Amino acid sequence: MAFAWKASGLTYNKYLSVAARTLRRSLKDDKRLAAERRGEMELRFAKWTNGKQGDVKNVSEANAASMAEAASSSSS
């Protein structure tokens, strides 16, 4: 017998994400806010050149900027 999440076409990580979000939304406000803050994640990266660290950038912002740049160059 297959797992329900697998049969519905979800990956295990996506299933865990949906289950965690559902659980957080069912909590009372004070507990919910604390749980949501724990679930937030911010990833940063820096490009190193010649042994020196470059500017530290947020991954999601850099990704959005590169996608917007790619979309504007492909539509031109």
Foldseek 3Di string as FASTA:
>chain_A
DDDPCVVVPHDPVVVVVVVLVVVLVPDPDVSSVVSVVVVDDWDWDFDDDPNDTHDIDTPVVVVVVVVVVVVVVVVD
